[in-house]
């Protein structure tokens, strides 16, 4: 059963990622280890769909470890990742008299994890929280690294905080109840991490997807190993650049994790977070970024084809050919990754070799050409 340690400068300075099957039944034991003897109360934040499947087992385990636990639910979907939701969450924490030694548990996908983490970061100026991610995307990416936040009408993740969890519990059996589109979203994120991480991680991911599409067993030791490899990569980036230093432009900058996200955030914003799962939008975004990389002379056509093959292995993506080009380009100008007035793009020199590019180097006609070519916009 894989166990990883994430080392950070911020408290708790080190935390554990556990990966395996049947771990939800041990959540209380882990919570006690992570939070210590002083913790008495926990609030478990989830959505009703996830809680109906896994909540009772997690609650039972937590109570057996001596905690008083109260569940609180948020709506299902990206549009509930808002300041209004956070306000309701911290009000619930206050009503349940949580103290600084108590904690919060996030049981769900990336939206639940981001909202829970931000609420925990702001309530009493910061209380402990534990991540129990139940989607593939959350397991390999958003649950690791301490980024928390919510969306504004102007764009995605414009308000947030860095707040590291005390521990991450990844039970791969939760993936068996995901709808197909959630898995597609997670696989797109895994291809993204492989594309900017290393050729080895990209190949490990693509090989697993090829075997899975050919009918191999889903929940398996290779799946646990793959998730562990992705978590190890994400942890290595977090340890090198915990708070995403804007002065860094090297391949270990945390900004490389935003490959595909400039377009993805724009697509999500212009469709009001109702059409795309985040990972699906990242799938489109990677292809646009790959096309830009080729057109700028950074990426060989053969490498772009490898990226396209990887995205195809993830599954079908929602169409985007009915979205106005102007709406997408306008949304890009509001991207939170702007620096000195310009969007910072993550492009590729080859698989495993990302490059940070100032938006000045991408002309509006070139951007429109790439968007039109990839998304089919006419």
Protein backbone atom coordinates (compact mmCIF):
# COMPACT_ATOMS: atom_id res chain seq x y z
CA UNK A 1 0.00 0.00 0.00
CA UNK A 2 1.79 3.17 -1.19
CA UNK A 3 2.54 5.90 1.34
CA UNK A 4 4.16 9.20 0.39
CA UNK A 5 5.40 12.12 2.46
CA UNK A 6 5.01 15.72 1.33
CA UNK A 7 7.52 18.17 2.85
CA UNK A 8 6.50 21.83 3.07
CA UNK A 9 7.75 25.05 4.63
CA UNK A 10 4.30 25.89 5.97
CA UNK A 11 2.67 23.94 8.78
CA UNK A 12 2.25 21.02 9.17
CA UNK A 13 5.70 20.90 7.41
CA UNK A 14 5.15 17.27 6.49
CA UNK A 15 2.06 15.22 5.75
CA UNK A 16 1.21 11.77 4.54
CA UNK A 17 -0.58 10.55 1.43
CA UNK A 18 -2.02 7.05 1.80
CA UNK A 19 -3.12 5.19 -1.32
CA UNK A 20 -4.93 1.86 -1.38
CA UNK A 21 -8.31 0.18 -1.15
CA UNK A 22 -10.56 -0.12 1.89
CA UNK A 23 -9.05 2.98 3.50
CA UNK A 24 -12.35 4.73 4.25
CA UNK A 25 -12.97 2.28 7.06
CA UNK A 26 -9.71 3.46 8.64
CA UNK A 27 -10.36 7.19 8.22
CA UNK A 28 -10.94 7.74 11.94
CA UNK A 29 -7.66 6.10 12.93
CA UNK A 30 -5.83 8.25 10.39
CA UNK A 31 -7.65 11.40 11.53
CA UNK A 32 -6.57 10.77 15.11
CA UNK A 33 -2.96 10.30 13.98
CA UNK A 34 -3.05 13.47 11.89
CA UNK A 35 -4.81 15.71 14.42
CA UNK A 36 -3.60 14.39 17.75
CA UNK A 37 -5.31 13.77 21.08
CA UNK A 38 -6.53 17.33 21.62
CA UNK A 39 -8.94 17.30 18.68
CA UNK A 40 -12.51 16.64 19.80
CA UNK A 41 -14.81 17.80 16.99
CA UNK A 42 -14.77 17.31 13.25
CA UNK A 43 -17.00 18.75 10.54
CA UNK A 44 -17.22 16.55 7.45
CA UNK A 45 -17.94 18.56 4.27
CA UNK A 46 -19.24 16.67 1.26
CA UNK A 47 -22.05 16.72 -1.29
CA UNK A 48 -25.14 14.59 -0.93
CA UNK A 49 -24.31 12.22 -3.79
CA UNK A 50 -20.89 11.31 -2.42
CA UNK A 51 -22.08 11.24 1.18
CA UNK A 52 -24.92 8.83 0.36
CA UNK A 53 -22.33 6.31 -0.87
CA UNK A 54 -19.38 6.81 1.47
CA UNK A 55 -20.47 9.13 4.26
CA UNK A 56 -21.87 6.57 6.73
CA UNK A 57 -18.69 4.47 6.69
CA UNK A 58 -16.46 7.52 7.18
CA UNK A 59 -18.68 8.92 9.96
CA UNK A 60 -18.71 5.58 11.74
CA UNK A 61 -14.92 5.28 11.57
CA UNK A 62 -14.42 8.85 12.82
CA UNK A 63 -16.80 8.37 15.74
CA UNK A 64 -15.05 5.13 16.74
CA UNK A 65 -11.85 7.17 17.11
CA UNK A 66 -13.51 9.42 19.69
CA UNK A 67 -14.54 12.41 17.59
CA UNK A 68 -17.89 14.18 17.61
CA UNK A 69 -18.62 14.65 13.90
CA UNK A 70 -21.18 16.81 12.07
CA UNK A 71 -21.75 16.60 8.30
CA UNK A 72 -22.37 19.64 6.09
CA UNK A 73 -23.25 19.55 2.40
CA UNK A 74 -22.53 21.76 -0.58
CA UNK A 75 -24.12 21.61 -4.02
CA UNK A 76 -22.68 19.35 -6.70
CA UNK A 77 -20.79 21.25 -9.38
CA UNK A 78 -18.24 23.96 -10.11
CA UNK A 79 -20.81 26.75 -9.80
CA UNK A 80 -21.05 26.04 -6.06
CA UNK A 81 -17.35 26.84 -5.62
CA UNK A 82 -18.19 30.37 -4.51
CA UNK A 83 -17.75 32.91 -1.73
CA UNK A 84 -21.37 32.36 -0.74
CA UNK A 85 -20.67 28.66 -0.16
CA UNK A 86 -17.58 29.43 1.91
CA UNK A 87 -19.53 31.92 4.01
CA UNK A 88 -22.15 29.25 4.76
CA UNK A 89 -19.43 26.72 5.56
CA UNK A 90 -17.58 28.87 8.10
CA UNK A 91 -20.89 29.81 9.69
CA UNK A 92 -21.54 26.08 10.18
CA UNK A 93 -18.08 25.62 11.72
CA UNK A 94 -18.83 28.43 14.15
CA UNK A 95 -22.27 27.07 15.03
CA UNK A 96 -20.64 23.73 15.88
CA UNK A 97 -18.11 25.45 18.17
CA UNK A 98 -15.01 24.18 16.40
CA UNK A 99 -11.81 25.23 18.13
CA UNK A 100 -8.30 25.61 16.73
CA UNK A 101 -7.40 22.08 17.79
CA UNK A 102 -10.41 20.60 15.98
CA UNK A 103 -10.60 19.95 12.25
CA UNK A 104 -12.50 19.65 8.99
CA UNK A 105 -12.64 16.70 6.59
CA UNK A 106 -13.22 17.07 2.85
CA UNK A 107 -14.99 14.01 1.40
CA UNK A 108 -15.50 14.47 -2.33
CA UNK A 109 -13.95 15.84 -5.49
CA UNK A 110 -11.98 18.97 -6.25
CA UNK A 111 -14.82 21.39 -5.57
CA UNK A 112 -15.40 19.94 -2.10
CA UNK A 113 -11.68 19.92 -1.39
CA UNK A 114 -11.13 23.51 -2.52
CA UNK A 115 -14.10 24.88 -0.57
CA UNK A 116 -13.23 22.88 2.55
CA UNK A 117 -9.60 23.90 2.44
CA UNK A 118 -10.44 27.58 1.99
CA UNK A 119 -12.99 27.49 4.82
CA UNK A 120 -10.43 25.78 7.06
CA UNK A 121 -7.78 28.34 6.07
CA UNK A 122 -9.96 31.30 7.03
CA UNK A 123 -11.91 30.06 10.07
CA UNK A 124 -10.10 31.13 13.27
CA UNK A 125 -7.26 32.16 10.91
CA UNK A 126 -6.62 28.52 10.09
CA UNK A 127 -7.60 25.13 11.48
CA UNK A 128 -6.48 21.65 10.39
CA UNK A 129 -8.17 19.80 7.56
CA UNK A 130 -7.92 16.36 5.99
CA UNK A 131 -8.45 15.49 2.34
CA UNK A 132 -10.38 12.33 1.36
CA UNK A 133 -10.62 12.79 -2.43
CA UNK A 134 -13.15 10.60 -4.23
CA UNK A 135 -12.53 11.61 -7.86
CA UNK A 136 -9.51 10.73 -9.96
CA UNK A 137 -8.71 14.38 -10.66
CA UNK A 138 -8.74 15.24 -6.97
CA UNK A 139 -6.69 12.18 -6.05
CA UNK A 140 -3.81 12.91 -8.42
CA UNK A 141 -3.85 16.68 -8.32
CA UNK A 142 -6.05 19.03 -6.29
CA UNK A 143 -5.86 17.19 -2.95
CA UNK A 144 -2.07 17.51 -2.89
CA UNK A 145 -0.28 20.81 -2.49
CA UNK A 146 -2.44 23.07 -0.34
CA UNK A 147 -4.02 25.27 -3.00
CA UNK A 148 -7.54 26.18 -1.95
CA UNK A 149 -9.96 28.69 -3.41
CA UNK A 150 -13.21 29.65 -5.06
CA UNK A 151 -14.39 31.24 -8.29
CA UNK A 152 -15.69 34.73 -8.98
CA UNK A 153 -17.98 35.73 -11.87
CA UNK A 154 -14.88 37.21 -13.55
CA UNK A 155 -12.94 33.94 -13.50
CA UNK A 156 -11.84 30.74 -11.85
CA UNK A 157 -9.94 30.48 -8.55
CA UNK A 158 -9.53 34.24 -8.19
CA UNK A 159 -9.88 34.06 -4.38
CA UNK A 160 -8.05 31.53 -2.26
CA UNK A 161 -5.24 30.65 0.12
CA UNK A 162 -2.37 28.21 0.50
CA UNK A 163 -3.34 25.86 3.33
CA UNK A 164 -1.71 22.44 3.50
CA UNK A 165 -3.76 19.44 4.66
CA UNK A 166 -2.73 17.34 7.65
CA UNK A 167 -3.12 14.20 5.55
CA UNK A 168 -4.55 12.81 2.31
CA UNK A 169 -6.44 9.50 2.25
CA UNK A 170 -6.91 8.04 -1.25
CA UNK A 171 -9.20 5.02 -1.46
CA UNK A 172 -9.15 3.85 -5.08
CA UNK A 173 -12.43 1.97 -4.63
CA UNK A 174 -14.25 5.32 -4.73
CA UNK A 175 -13.36 5.53 -8.42
CA UNK A 176 -15.66 2.59 -9.22
CA UNK A 177 -18.77 4.70 -8.60
CA UNK A 178 -17.72 7.68 -10.73
CA UNK A 179 -19.72 8.51 -13.86
CA UNK A 180 -17.71 8.13 -17.09
CA UNK A 181 -17.24 11.87 -17.60
CA UNK A 182 -15.59 12.25 -14.19
CA UNK A 183 -13.09 9.58 -15.17
CA UNK A 184 -12.43 11.30 -18.51
CA UNK A 185 -11.76 14.52 -16.60
CA UNK A 186 -9.32 12.78 -14.29
CA UNK A 187 -7.49 11.03 -17.10
CA UNK A 188 -7.07 14.36 -18.92
CA UNK A 189 -5.44 15.77 -15.81
CA UNK A 190 -3.16 12.74 -15.61
CA UNK A 191 -2.07 13.19 -19.24
CA UNK A 192 -1.39 16.84 -18.42
CA UNK A 193 0.87 15.91 -15.52
CA UNK A 194 2.70 13.39 -17.67
CA UNK A 195 3.14 15.94 -20.45
CA UNK A 196 4.87 18.44 -18.13
CA UNK A 197 6.38 15.92 -15.73
CA UNK A 198 8.43 13.38 -17.61
CA UNK A 199 8.30 11.05 -20.57
CA UNK A 200 8.26 8.13 -18.11
CA UNK A 201 5.13 9.41 -16.31
CA UNK A 202 3.44 10.22 -19.62
CA UNK A 203 4.17 6.72 -20.96
CA UNK A 204 3.06 5.02 -17.72
CA UNK A 205 -0.24 6.90 -17.93
CA UNK A 206 -0.82 6.28 -21.63
CA UNK A 207 0.07 2.57 -21.30
CA UNK A 208 -2.39 2.15 -18.42
CA UNK A 209 -5.14 3.86 -20.42
CA UNK A 210 -4.42 1.71 -23.47
CA UNK A 211 -4.67 -1.46 -21.38
CA UNK A 212 -7.80 -0.18 -19.63
CA UNK A 213 -9.47 0.57 -22.96
CA UNK A 214 -8.54 -2.94 -24.06
CA UNK A 215 -10.46 -4.40 -21.12
CA UNK A 216 -7.94 -4.79 -18.30
CA UNK A 217 -9.02 -4.56 -14.65
CA UNK A 218 -9.55 -1.01 -13.40
CA UNK A 219 -9.02 -1.17 -9.62
CA UNK A 220 -5.67 -2.89 -9.39
CA UNK A 221 -2.10 -2.60 -8.16
CA UNK A 222 -1.11 -0.82 -11.43
CA UNK A 223 -3.81 1.81 -10.74
CA UNK A 224 -2.50 2.37 -7.19
CA UNK A 225 1.05 2.61 -8.55
CA UNK A 226 -0.05 5.11 -11.22
CA UNK A 227 -1.84 7.33 -8.71
CA UNK A 228 1.21 7.13 -6.43
CA UNK A 229 3.47 8.18 -9.31
CA UNK A 230 1.27 11.19 -10.04
CA UNK A 231 1.12 12.17 -6.36
CA UNK A 232 4.91 11.85 -6.11
CA UNK A 233 5.33 14.13 -9.11
CA UNK A 234 2.89 16.69 -7.70
CA UNK A 235 4.61 16.53 -4.30
CA UNK A 236 8.02 17.13 -5.90
CA UNK A 237 6.73 20.30 -7.56
CA UNK A 238 5.08 21.51 -4.35
CA UNK A 239 8.25 20.93 -2.35
CA UNK A 240 10.30 22.88 -4.90
CA UNK A 241 7.88 25.81 -5.30
CA UNK A 242 5.24 25.67 -2.57
CA UNK A 243 3.66 29.10 -3.15
CA UNK A 244 4.16 29.40 -6.93
CA UNK A 245 6.92 32.01 -7.00
CA UNK A 246 6.21 34.36 -9.92
CA UNK A 247 9.95 34.93 -10.42
CA UNK A 248 10.55 31.29 -11.35
CA UNK A 249 10.56 30.24 -15.00
CA UNK A 250 12.29 26.86 -14.75
CA UNK A 251 10.78 23.43 -15.35
CA UNK A 252 10.23 22.86 -11.60
CA UNK A 253 8.12 25.98 -11.20
CA UNK A 254 4.68 25.21 -9.85
CA UNK A 255 3.29 27.16 -12.78
CA UNK A 256 4.01 24.27 -15.16
CA UNK A 257 1.01 22.50 -13.60
CA UNK A 258 -1.14 25.06 -15.42
CA UNK A 259 -0.44 23.50 -18.80
CA UNK A 260 -3.77 23.59 -20.65
CA UNK A 261 -5.40 25.68 -17.94
CA UNK A 262 -5.36 29.08 -19.64
CA UNK A 263 -7.83 27.86 -22.26
CA UNK A 264 -9.59 25.56 -19.79
CA UNK A 265 -10.42 28.37 -17.38
CA UNK A 266 -11.69 30.50 -20.26
CA UNK A 267 -13.94 27.70 -21.54
CA UNK A 268 -15.34 27.11 -18.07
CA UNK A 269 -15.98 30.80 -17.46
CA UNK A 270 -17.74 31.54 -20.76
CA UNK A 271 -20.03 28.52 -20.29
CA UNK A 272 -20.71 29.52 -16.65
CA UNK A 273 -19.19 26.30 -15.32
CA UNK A 274 -22.12 24.24 -16.61
CA UNK A 275 -20.81 22.48 -19.73
CA UNK A 276 -17.33 21.17 -18.93
CA UNK A 277 -15.88 19.19 -16.08
CA UNK A 278 -12.60 20.89 -15.23
CA UNK A 279 -10.48 18.07 -16.63
CA UNK A 280 -12.49 18.00 -19.86
CA UNK A 281 -11.73 21.70 -20.35
CA UNK A 282 -8.07 20.96 -19.62
CA UNK A 283 -8.17 18.32 -22.37
CA UNK A 284 -9.18 20.98 -24.90
CA UNK A 285 -6.70 23.42 -23.37
CA UNK A 286 -3.75 21.04 -23.73
CA UNK A 287 -4.49 20.55 -27.41
CA UNK A 288 -4.63 24.30 -28.03
CA UNK A 289 -1.40 24.80 -26.08
CA UNK A 290 0.20 21.99 -28.06
CA UNK A 291 -0.90 23.57 -31.34
CA UNK A 292 0.54 26.92 -30.22
CA UNK A 293 3.79 25.19 -29.26
CA UNK A 294 4.07 23.69 -32.73
CA UNK A 295 3.22 26.94 -34.51
CA UNK A 296 5.87 28.79 -32.47
CA UNK A 297 8.47 26.23 -33.53
CA UNK A 298 8.91 24.81 -30.02
CA UNK A 299 7.28 21.40 -30.48
CA UNK A 300 7.88 18.87 -33.23
CA UNK A 301 4.73 17.58 -35.01
CA UNK A 302 5.55 14.03 -33.83
CA UNK A 303 5.50 15.20 -30.20
CA UNK A 304 2.19 16.99 -30.75
CA UNK A 305 0.77 13.76 -32.14
CA UNK A 306 1.84 11.92 -28.98
CA UNK A 307 -0.04 14.52 -26.94
CA UNK A 308 -3.11 14.18 -29.15
CA UNK A 309 -2.98 10.39 -28.79
CA UNK A 310 -2.80 10.75 -25.00
CA UNK A 311 -5.83 13.02 -24.87
CA UNK A 312 -7.77 10.68 -27.19
CA UNK A 313 -7.09 7.79 -24.81
CA UNK A 314 -8.89 9.72 -22.04
CA UNK A 315 -12.27 9.59 -23.79
CA UNK A 316 -14.64 12.00 -25.57
CA UNK A 317 -14.68 15.70 -24.73
CA UNK A 318 -17.74 17.99 -24.86
CA UNK A 319 -17.92 20.06 -28.03
CA UNK A 320 -16.68 23.65 -27.99
CA UNK A 321 -17.24 24.66 -31.64
CA UNK A 322 -20.29 26.79 -30.84
CA UNK A 323 -18.43 29.16 -28.49
CA UNK A 324 -17.50 32.55 -29.89
CA UNK A 325 -13.77 33.11 -30.37
CA UNK A 326 -14.07 36.62 -28.96
CA UNK A 327 -15.66 35.32 -25.77
CA UNK A 328 -12.74 32.92 -25.23
CA UNK A 329 -10.03 35.49 -25.95
CA UNK A 330 -11.72 38.04 -23.69
CA UNK A 331 -11.84 35.48 -20.87
CA UNK A 332 -8.15 34.70 -21.37
CA UNK A 333 -7.25 38.32 -20.64
CA UNK A 334 -8.77 37.90 -17.17
CA UNK A 335 -6.72 34.80 -16.36
CA UNK A 336 -5.35 34.88 -12.81
CA UNK A 337 -1.89 33.84 -14.05
CA UNK A 338 -1.24 37.29 -15.49
CA UNK A 339 2.10 38.85 -14.60
CA UNK A 340 3.05 42.45 -15.44
CA UNK A 341 -0.07 42.74 -17.54
CA UNK A 342 0.45 39.62 -19.65
CA UNK A 343 -0.86 36.07 -19.50
CA UNK A 344 1.83 33.50 -18.78
CA UNK A 345 1.39 30.47 -21.03
CA UNK A 346 2.71 26.98 -20.32
CA UNK A 347 3.77 25.40 -23.61
CA UNK A 348 5.85 22.36 -24.55
CA UNK A 349 9.26 21.86 -26.11
CA UNK A 350 8.69 18.10 -26.00
CA UNK A 351 6.83 15.63 -23.80
CA UNK A 352 8.18 16.15 -20.30
CA UNK A 353 9.75 19.53 -21.10
CA UNK A 354 7.40 22.45 -20.40
CA UNK A 355 8.29 26.06 -21.08
CA UNK A 356 6.80 29.23 -19.61
CA UNK A 357 6.05 31.80 -22.33
CA UNK A 358 5.06 35.44 -21.95
CA UNK A 359 1.77 36.17 -23.70
CA UNK A 360 3.47 38.90 -25.74
CA UNK A 361 5.07 36.14 -27.80
CA UNK A 362 1.65 34.85 -28.92
CA UNK A 363 0.01 37.14 -31.42
CA UNK A 364 -3.80 37.44 -31.47
CA UNK A 365 -4.00 35.97 -35.01
CA UNK A 366 -1.90 32.96 -33.96
CA UNK A 367 -4.08 32.39 -30.90
CA UNK A 368 -7.26 32.62 -32.97
CA UNK A 369 -5.79 30.20 -35.53
CA UNK A 370 -4.96 27.62 -32.85
CA UNK A 371 -8.34 27.95 -31.16
CA UNK A 372 -10.17 27.59 -34.45
CA UNK A 373 -8.07 24.61 -35.55
CA UNK A 374 -8.41 22.65 -32.29
CA UNK A 375 -11.92 23.54 -31.18
CA UNK A 376 -13.47 23.58 -34.64
CA UNK A 377 -14.74 27.15 -34.29
CA UNK A 378 -15.60 28.77 -37.61
